[in-house]
Amino acid sequence: MQEIVTLEGHIIDSDLLRRAMSRIVEEGAEFEVQEFRVGRTNEEPSFARLAVRAADPHTLDRVLEALSYLGAVTALGDARFAPAEADGILPDEFYATSNYATYTRVDGQWLEARDQKMDCALVMREGEPRCVKQRLVRAGEAVALRGPGIRLRPPERPRTADGFGFMHHEISAEVNKSLAIRAAAQAMRDTRAEGRRIVLVVGPAVVHSGGDVALERLVRSGWVDAVLTGNAFAVHDLEKALLKTSLGVCQTSGRALEGGSRNHLWTINAINRAGGVVAAVRAGSVPSGVMRALVETGKEFVLAGSIRDDGPLKEVITDVLEAQSAYLEALRGAGMCLMLASTLHGIAVGNLLPASVRTVCVDMSESVPVKLANRGTLHAVGLVTDVGFFLGQLEAELARAS
């Protein structure tokens, strides 16, 4: 059994050609290079045509599907579709999307998919393909099937030596933090210049580490468009504003107060008595903090619930599917995402982002950016450092250039 596939683009320096060849061999198939043209300049793309052979059609199908996720294209043909069997029920051979830019061939034309994100069905809506969460597919909608007529464009290494390109290193604590943070600041400026949004995913360690002070100033100086987080970050931030503690730990002395965990519950009680975060801020009951800055500047925030939540605050969305939809809405138009000391929310947001969004994951543990990559967000840059230090340095870098 044989099929011809082609790869085009910056397939050498982005490692796509090597990965494609390796995948063919790993799956028990063989390849023969029929044509290979190397780009002669930094901008000119390369081209490869490979004959892929396998002993049986099942192996060949498996290899071709794996290659499609690396941007390989088989013989031209329109995509195949089948109707969804019922609401949320897909045909067995449905195509599962990645976070790479995806194109579908319909009536001889390649159409780029809208709302790109991983782990979705590719559904034709209003004459164009869209990435749709399985639960949101409706009975009878045309769902793309595995096979011909679908091609991906994996992200390539930057063609110029920009700051964000510098940050694409192996995940390690042994890097020059100042250079990496300077590159992140430049990426934020580039995102702003493109007219795209900057979204932050933050965990409660931002407050514990003292990074909330710099984060508040970043919000007020216009560097943050939306914050995605959970109940814990918001409560810790508000507790610090009201009682000068965070989960019962004094934020001036660093000492844990006896019975200090009561402060966490007291804060939730006080804020909810006022009608919620927005109402409490507008009433003048919150003297400082990130949540106050978000409300006063009109910036968006989404609090997604967890089974661990105390209270929770009135603004917390406790229905997980509703929270997912709210996250998706807040991510529209995002050009950069900073994931700051947040494992669960960070990985969740990673699953909702297209690979075209500049993504930086900052955590004290190497395991967090590694987990993020293992779950499909391969384009994210991992920076292993204290999040309080990162935010302080980032604010200084952005202020220096403004």
Protein backbone atom coordinates (compact mmCIF):
# COMPACT_ATOMS: atom_id res chain seq x y z
CA MET A 1 0.00 0.00 0.00
CA GLN A 2 1.37 3.44 -0.94
CA GLU A 3 0.32 7.07 -0.66
CA ILE A 4 2.09 10.27 -1.74
CA VAL A 5 2.37 13.10 0.79
CA THR A 6 3.88 16.55 0.54
CA LEU A 7 5.30 18.94 3.13
CA GLU A 8 5.90 22.60 2.38
CA GLY A 9 7.17 25.52 4.42
CA HIS A 10 10.13 25.96 6.77
CA ILE A 11 10.13 22.22 7.37
CA ILE A 12 13.84 21.87 8.12
CA ASP A 13 14.55 24.43 10.82
CA SER A 14 11.12 23.80 12.38
CA ASP A 15 12.02 20.08 12.60
CA LEU A 16 8.85 19.01 10.79
CA LEU A 17 10.60 16.90 8.13
CA ARG A 18 12.59 14.91 10.69
CA ARG A 19 9.50 14.38 12.84
CA ALA A 20 7.51 13.20 9.82
CA MET A 21 10.19 10.70 8.78
CA SER A 22 10.55 9.45 12.35
CA ARG A 23 6.81 8.98 12.71
CA ILE A 24 6.61 6.93 9.50
CA VAL A 25 9.29 4.53 10.74
CA GLU A 26 7.88 4.37 14.29
CA GLU A 27 4.48 3.29 12.91
CA GLY A 28 6.06 0.39 11.00
CA ALA A 29 5.96 1.97 7.53
CA GLU A 30 8.61 3.13 5.04
CA PHE A 31 9.27 6.30 3.07
CA GLU A 32 11.01 7.24 -0.14
CA VAL A 33 11.94 10.85 -0.90
CA GLN A 34 10.71 11.55 -4.44
CA GLU A 35 11.42 15.27 -4.50
CA PHE A 36 13.20 17.61 -2.11
CA ARG A 37 13.78 21.34 -2.63
CA VAL A 38 15.55 23.35 0.04
CA GLY A 39 14.70 27.02 0.46
CA ARG A 40 17.69 29.09 -0.63
CA THR A 41 17.04 32.02 1.71
CA ASN A 42 15.73 32.63 5.21
CA GLU A 43 12.29 33.44 3.81
CA GLU A 44 11.98 30.91 0.97
CA PRO A 45 10.09 27.73 1.94
CA SER A 46 11.30 24.17 1.38
CA PHE A 47 9.32 21.36 -0.25
CA ALA A 48 9.37 17.57 0.12
CA ARG A 49 7.37 14.86 -1.62
CA LEU A 50 7.44 11.46 0.06
CA ALA A 51 6.08 8.07 -0.97
CA VAL A 52 4.79 6.38 2.17
CA ARG A 53 4.45 2.57 2.06
CA ALA A 54 2.86 0.20 4.54
CA ALA A 55 2.04 -3.50 4.57
CA ASP A 56 -1.68 -3.01 5.15
CA PRO A 57 -4.27 -0.23 4.74
CA HIS A 58 -4.85 0.14 8.48
CA THR A 59 -1.18 0.94 9.11
CA LEU A 60 -1.13 3.34 6.16
CA ASP A 61 -4.24 5.14 7.43
CA ARG A 62 -2.69 5.47 10.88
CA VAL A 63 0.54 6.88 9.44
CA LEU A 64 -1.26 9.34 7.17
CA GLU A 65 -3.39 10.65 10.02
CA ALA A 66 -0.30 11.15 12.19
CA LEU A 67 1.43 12.99 9.33
CA SER A 68 -1.58 15.24 8.80
CA TYR A 69 -1.02 16.71 12.25
CA LEU A 70 2.49 17.68 11.12
CA GLY A 71 1.12 19.55 8.12
CA ALA A 72 1.54 16.81 5.51
CA VAL A 73 -0.92 16.83 2.61
CA THR A 74 -2.04 13.70 0.75
CA ALA A 75 -3.45 13.58 -2.75
CA LEU A 76 -5.86 16.44 -3.29
CA GLY A 77 -9.52 15.85 -2.65
CA ASP A 78 -12.36 17.57 -0.89
CA ALA A 79 -12.99 16.89 2.77
CA ARG A 80 -15.68 14.35 3.63
CA PHE A 81 -18.53 15.17 5.99
CA ALA A 82 -21.22 13.22 7.79
CA PRO A 83 -24.16 14.46 9.89
CA ALA A 84 -23.97 14.50 13.69
CA GLU A 85 -26.16 11.66 14.94
CA ALA A 86 -27.68 13.73 17.77
CA ASP A 87 -26.81 16.71 19.94
CA GLY A 88 -23.26 16.08 21.16
CA ILE A 89 -22.95 12.74 19.29
CA LEU A 90 -20.44 12.67 16.42
CA PRO A 91 -20.03 10.16 13.57
CA ASP A 92 -17.39 7.55 14.48
CA GLU A 93 -14.86 8.74 11.89
CA PHE A 94 -14.92 12.40 12.96
CA TYR A 95 -11.73 14.45 12.63
CA ALA A 96 -10.35 15.71 15.96
CA THR A 97 -8.75 19.16 15.75
CA SER A 98 -5.40 20.32 17.08
CA ASN A 99 -4.41 23.84 18.10
CA TYR A 100 -2.61 24.36 14.75
CA ALA A 101 -4.16 26.48 12.02
CA THR A 102 -6.44 24.11 10.07
CA TYR A 103 -7.70 24.31 6.48
CA THR A 104 -10.56 22.32 4.97
CA ARG A 105 -10.97 21.73 1.22
CA VAL A 106 -14.58 22.34 0.18
CA ASP A 107 -15.61 22.45 -3.50
CA GLY A 108 -11.96 22.76 -4.50
CA GLN A 109 -11.22 25.71 -2.18
CA TRP A 110 -9.20 25.68 1.04
CA LEU A 111 -11.11 27.36 3.89
CA GLU A 112 -9.42 28.25 7.17
CA ALA A 113 -11.21 26.96 10.26
CA ARG A 114 -12.64 29.53 12.67
CA ASP A 115 -12.26 29.43 16.48
CA GLN A 116 -9.14 27.24 16.29
CA LYS A 117 -8.50 25.07 19.35
CA MET A 118 -7.66 21.46 20.09
CA ASP A 119 -9.93 18.49 20.85
CA CYS A 120 -12.93 19.73 18.87
CA ALA A 121 -15.00 18.58 15.93
CA LEU A 122 -14.68 20.44 12.62
CA VAL A 123 -18.21 21.52 11.75
CA MET A 124 -19.55 23.42 8.73
CA ARG A 125 -21.58 26.37 10.00
CA GLU A 126 -22.79 29.24 7.84
CA GLY A 127 -20.63 28.04 4.97
CA GLU A 128 -17.32 27.85 6.84
CA PRO A 129 -15.56 25.23 9.00
CA ARG A 130 -15.48 25.89 12.72
CA CYS A 131 -13.82 24.14 15.65
CA VAL A 132 -16.73 23.20 17.91
CA LYS A 133 -16.65 21.48 21.29
CA GLN A 134 -18.32 18.10 21.07
CA ARG A 135 -21.08 19.04 23.51
CA LEU A 136 -22.03 22.03 21.32
CA VAL A 137 -22.44 20.10 18.06
CA ARG A 138 -26.10 19.86 17.07
CA ALA A 139 -27.93 16.96 15.46
CA GLY A 140 -27.61 16.93 11.68
CA GLU A 141 -24.69 19.37 11.45
CA ALA A 142 -22.03 18.47 8.87
CA VAL A 143 -18.99 17.09 10.73
CA ALA A 144 -15.65 16.65 8.94
CA LEU A 145 -14.30 13.12 8.80
CA ARG A 146 -10.73 11.85 8.92
CA GLY A 147 -9.02 11.56 5.58
CA PRO A 148 -8.44 13.86 2.59
CA GLY A 149 -9.23 17.54 2.37
CA ILE A 150 -7.82 18.62 5.75
CA ARG A 151 -4.42 20.21 6.17
CA LEU A 152 -2.65 21.86 9.09
CA ARG A 153 -0.08 24.60 9.33
CA PRO A 154 2.12 23.83 12.36
CA PRO A 155 3.87 26.85 13.89
CA GLU A 156 7.32 27.54 12.50
CA ARG A 157 10.34 29.05 14.13
CA PRO A 158 10.34 32.86 13.80
CA ARG A 159 11.94 34.04 10.56
CA THR A 160 13.54 36.99 12.39
CA ALA A 161 15.47 37.21 15.64
CA ASP A 162 12.61 38.71 17.64
CA GLY A 163 12.43 38.61 21.41
CA PHE A 164 9.84 35.85 21.66
CA GLY A 165 11.85 33.62 19.33
CA PHE A 166 14.75 33.88 21.77
CA MET A 167 12.61 32.38 24.51
CA HIS A 168 12.07 29.08 22.67
CA HIS A 169 14.47 27.05 24.79
CA GLU A 170 14.24 23.79 26.69
CA ILE A 171 12.37 24.10 29.97
CA SER A 172 15.00 24.67 32.65
CA ALA A 173 15.65 26.83 35.69
CA GLU A 174 19.18 27.44 34.37
CA VAL A 175 18.49 30.31 32.00
CA ASN A 176 19.16 34.02 32.18
CA LYS A 177 15.88 35.21 33.74
CA SER A 178 16.45 38.88 32.95
CA LEU A 179 16.87 38.19 29.23
CA ALA A 180 13.81 35.94 29.15
CA ILE A 181 11.67 38.52 30.96
CA ARG A 182 12.90 41.24 28.62
CA ALA A 183 11.82 39.05 25.71
CA ALA A 184 8.38 38.51 27.30
CA ALA A 185 7.99 42.28 27.69
CA GLN A 186 8.87 42.80 24.03
CA ALA A 187 6.33 40.14 23.05
CA MET A 188 3.70 42.07 24.99
CA ARG A 189 4.60 45.28 23.14
CA ASP A 190 4.40 43.39 19.82
CA THR A 191 0.99 42.02 20.78
CA ARG A 192 -0.24 45.52 21.61
CA ALA A 193 1.11 46.86 18.30
CA GLU A 194 -0.88 44.15 16.47
CA GLY A 195 -4.06 45.29 18.20
CA ARG A 196 -4.50 41.95 19.98
CA ARG A 197 -5.44 41.24 23.59
CA ILE A 198 -3.20 40.16 26.48
CA VAL A 199 -4.81 37.61 28.79
CA LEU A 200 -3.42 36.45 32.13
CA VAL A 201 -4.15 33.16 33.90
CA VAL A 202 -3.17 33.58 37.54
CA GLY A 203 -2.97 31.38 40.63
CA PRO A 204 -3.06 32.32 44.33
CA ALA A 205 0.76 32.11 44.57
CA VAL A 206 0.81 35.49 42.81
CA VAL A 207 -0.56 36.97 46.05
CA HIS A 208 1.56 34.83 48.39
CA SER A 209 4.74 35.80 46.53
CA GLY A 210 3.97 39.53 46.56
CA GLY A 211 3.56 39.63 42.80
CA ASP A 212 0.08 41.11 43.19
CA VAL A 213 1.58 44.57 43.75
CA ALA A 214 3.24 44.60 40.32
CA LEU A 215 0.21 42.90 38.74
CA GLU A 216 -2.10 45.63 40.06
CA ARG A 217 0.10 48.27 38.45
CA LEU A 218 0.21 46.33 35.16
CA VAL A 219 -3.60 46.28 35.13
CA ARG A 220 -3.82 50.02 35.80
CA SER A 221 -1.19 50.83 33.18
CA GLY A 222 -3.18 48.99 30.50
CA TRP A 223 -1.07 45.87 29.96
CA VAL A 224 -3.83 43.42 30.93
CA ASP A 225 -7.11 42.93 29.06
CA ALA A 226 -8.51 39.97 30.98
CA VAL A 227 -7.70 37.78 33.97
CA LEU A 228 -8.80 34.14 34.08
CA THR A 229 -8.57 32.48 37.47
CA GLY A 230 -10.56 30.83 40.23
CA ASN A 231 -12.06 31.58 43.61
CA ALA A 232 -8.76 31.21 45.50
CA PHE A 233 -6.80 34.01 43.80
CA ALA A 234 -9.66 36.48 44.10
CA VAL A 235 -10.26 35.70 47.79
CA HIS A 236 -6.57 35.89 48.71
CA ASP A 237 -6.26 39.22 46.91
CA LEU A 238 -9.34 40.60 48.68
CA GLU A 239 -8.27 39.19 52.05
CA LYS A 240 -4.96 40.99 51.71
CA ALA A 241 -6.77 44.23 50.85
CA LEU A 242 -9.17 43.95 53.80
CA LEU A 243 -7.14 42.21 56.53
CA LYS A 244 -3.50 42.36 55.38
CA THR A 245 -3.31 38.55 55.39
CA SER A 246 -3.42 35.89 52.69
CA LEU A 247 -4.85 32.55 53.80
CA GLY A 248 -4.13 33.67 57.34
CA VAL A 249 -0.48 34.60 56.72
CA CYS A 250 0.39 38.19 57.59
CA GLN A 251 1.61 39.93 54.43
CA THR A 252 3.82 42.38 56.35
CA SER A 253 5.56 40.02 58.79
CA GLY A 254 5.23 36.72 56.95
CA ARG A 255 3.94 35.02 60.09
CA ALA A 256 0.99 32.64 60.11
CA LEU A 257 -1.73 33.81 62.48
CA GLU A 258 -3.32 31.36 64.92
CA GLY A 259 -6.72 30.52 63.44
CA GLY A 260 -5.84 32.71 60.47
CA SER A 261 -7.74 30.52 58.02
CA ARG A 262 -10.87 32.19 59.40
CA ASN A 263 -9.77 35.34 57.56
CA HIS A 264 -10.34 33.58 54.26
CA LEU A 265 -13.93 32.75 55.16
CA TRP A 266 -14.51 36.17 56.74
CA THR A 267 -13.44 37.82 53.46
CA ILE A 268 -15.86 35.74 51.38
CA ASN A 269 -18.62 36.56 53.84
CA ALA A 270 -17.89 40.30 53.76
CA ILE A 271 -17.65 40.50 49.96
CA ASN A 272 -20.78 38.44 49.37
CA ARG A 273 -22.68 40.50 51.96
CA ALA A 274 -21.86 43.56 49.83
CA GLY A 275 -23.28 41.81 46.75
CA GLY A 276 -20.06 40.43 45.26
CA VAL A 277 -16.70 41.70 44.09
CA VAL A 278 -17.97 44.37 41.71
CA ALA A 279 -20.51 45.71 44.19
CA ALA A 280 -17.97 45.77 47.04
CA VAL A 281 -15.43 47.70 44.94
CA ARG A 282 -18.02 50.20 43.74
CA ALA A 283 -19.17 50.72 47.32
CA GLY A 284 -15.61 51.65 48.31
CA SER A 285 -15.22 48.62 50.60
CA VAL A 286 -12.05 47.30 48.92
CA PRO A 287 -9.08 49.64 49.52
CA SER A 288 -6.53 48.00 47.17
CA GLY A 289 -5.64 44.93 45.17
CA VAL A 290 -5.84 43.37 41.73
CA MET A 291 -9.58 42.72 41.86
CA ARG A 292 -10.23 46.36 42.68
CA ALA A 293 -7.99 47.44 39.78
CA LEU A 294 -9.81 45.14 37.36
CA VAL A 295 -13.22 46.51 38.36
CA GLU A 296 -12.13 50.16 38.35
CA THR A 297 -10.43 49.91 34.96
CA GLY A 298 -13.30 47.92 33.43
CA LYS A 299 -11.07 44.98 32.56
CA GLU A 300 -12.60 41.55 32.21
CA PHE A 301 -12.19 38.79 34.78
CA VAL A 302 -13.61 35.28 34.89
CA LEU A 303 -13.65 33.20 38.07
CA ALA A 304 -14.07 29.49 37.35
CA GLY A 305 -15.27 27.26 40.18
CA SER A 306 -13.62 24.18 41.70
CA ILE A 307 -14.73 21.38 44.00
CA ARG A 308 -12.21 22.81 46.51
CA ASP A 309 -13.83 26.25 46.73
CA ASP A 310 -14.94 27.81 50.00
CA GLY A 311 -17.94 30.08 49.72
CA PRO A 312 -17.44 30.79 46.87
CA LEU A 313 -17.55 34.46 45.89
CA LYS A 314 -20.75 35.47 44.08
CA GLU A 315 -18.95 36.00 40.75
CA VAL A 316 -17.54 32.45 40.70
CA ILE A 317 -19.08 30.36 37.92
CA THR A 318 -19.74 26.98 39.52
CA ASP A 319 -21.03 25.22 36.39
CA VAL A 320 -17.80 23.98 34.73
CA LEU A 321 -19.21 24.04 31.20
CA GLU A 322 -20.51 27.57 31.68
CA ALA A 323 -17.09 28.54 33.03
CA GLN A 324 -15.41 26.99 29.99
CA SER A 325 -17.64 29.02 27.69
CA ALA A 326 -16.83 32.20 29.63
CA TYR A 327 -13.10 31.46 29.34
CA LEU A 328 -13.49 30.94 25.59
CA GLU A 329 -15.28 34.26 25.20
CA ALA A 330 -12.59 36.09 27.18
CA LEU A 331 -9.88 34.57 24.98
CA ARG A 332 -11.32 35.94 21.73
CA GLY A 333 -8.80 38.20 20.04
CA ALA A 334 -5.97 37.12 22.36
CA GLY A 335 -2.48 37.51 20.95
CA MET A 336 -0.60 36.65 24.13
CA CYS A 337 -1.33 34.62 27.25
CA LEU A 338 0.71 34.65 30.45
CA MET A 339 0.09 31.64 32.72
CA LEU A 340 1.34 32.63 36.16
CA ALA A 341 1.67 29.98 38.88
CA SER A 342 -1.53 28.23 37.88
CA THR A 343 -1.46 24.54 37.02
CA LEU A 344 -5.10 23.52 36.54
CA HIS A 345 -6.38 26.79 35.08
CA GLY A 346 -3.22 27.12 32.96
CA ILE A 347 -3.57 23.69 31.37
CA ALA A 348 -7.30 24.25 30.88
CA VAL A 349 -6.65 27.51 29.03
CA GLY A 350 -3.90 25.86 27.00
CA ASN A 351 -6.53 23.50 25.61
CA LEU A 352 -8.59 26.49 24.46
CA LEU A 353 -5.82 28.44 22.70
CA PRO A 354 -4.70 28.26 19.09
CA ALA A 355 -0.96 27.77 18.63
CA SER A 356 -0.73 31.25 17.09
CA VAL A 357 -1.13 32.86 20.53
CA ARG A 358 2.19 33.71 22.19
CA THR A 359 2.09 31.74 25.44
CA VAL A 360 4.39 31.98 28.46
CA CYS A 361 4.07 29.70 31.48
CA VAL A 362 5.81 30.86 34.67
CA ASP A 363 6.10 28.57 37.68
CA MET A 364 8.56 27.58 40.40
CA SER A 365 8.28 23.95 39.30
CA GLU A 366 9.47 22.60 35.95
CA SER A 367 6.63 20.08 36.05
CA VAL A 368 3.96 22.69 35.26
CA PRO A 369 5.25 23.85 31.85
CA VAL A 370 6.16 20.22 31.10
CA LYS A 371 2.58 19.10 31.84
CA LEU A 372 1.29 21.95 29.69
CA ALA A 373 3.41 20.75 26.75
CA ASN A 374 2.51 17.10 27.33
CA ARG A 375 -1.17 18.01 27.02
CA GLY A 376 -0.69 19.59 23.61
CA THR A 377 0.37 23.21 24.20
CA LEU A 378 3.74 22.63 22.57
CA HIS A 379 4.17 26.27 21.55
CA ALA A 380 4.21 27.54 25.16
CA VAL A 381 7.47 28.90 26.53
CA GLY A 382 8.22 27.67 30.05
CA LEU A 383 10.08 29.89 32.50
CA VAL A 384 11.00 28.34 35.86
CA THR A 385 11.21 31.10 38.44
CA ASP A 386 9.37 32.78 41.31
CA VAL A 387 6.24 34.46 39.94
CA GLY A 388 6.64 37.47 42.25
CA PHE A 389 10.13 38.10 40.88
CA PHE A 390 8.87 37.64 37.32
CA LEU A 391 6.03 40.16 37.68
CA GLY A 392 8.26 42.75 39.37
CA GLN A 393 10.87 42.48 36.63
CA LEU A 394 8.25 42.43 33.89
CA GLU A 395 6.66 45.62 35.19
CA ALA A 396 10.07 47.30 35.34
CA GLU A 397 10.86 46.26 31.75
CA LEU A 398 7.53 47.57 30.42
CA ALA A 399 7.86 50.83 32.36
CA ARG A 400 11.40 51.36 31.09
CA ALA A 401 10.26 51.41 27.46
CA SER A 402 7.11 53.49 27.94
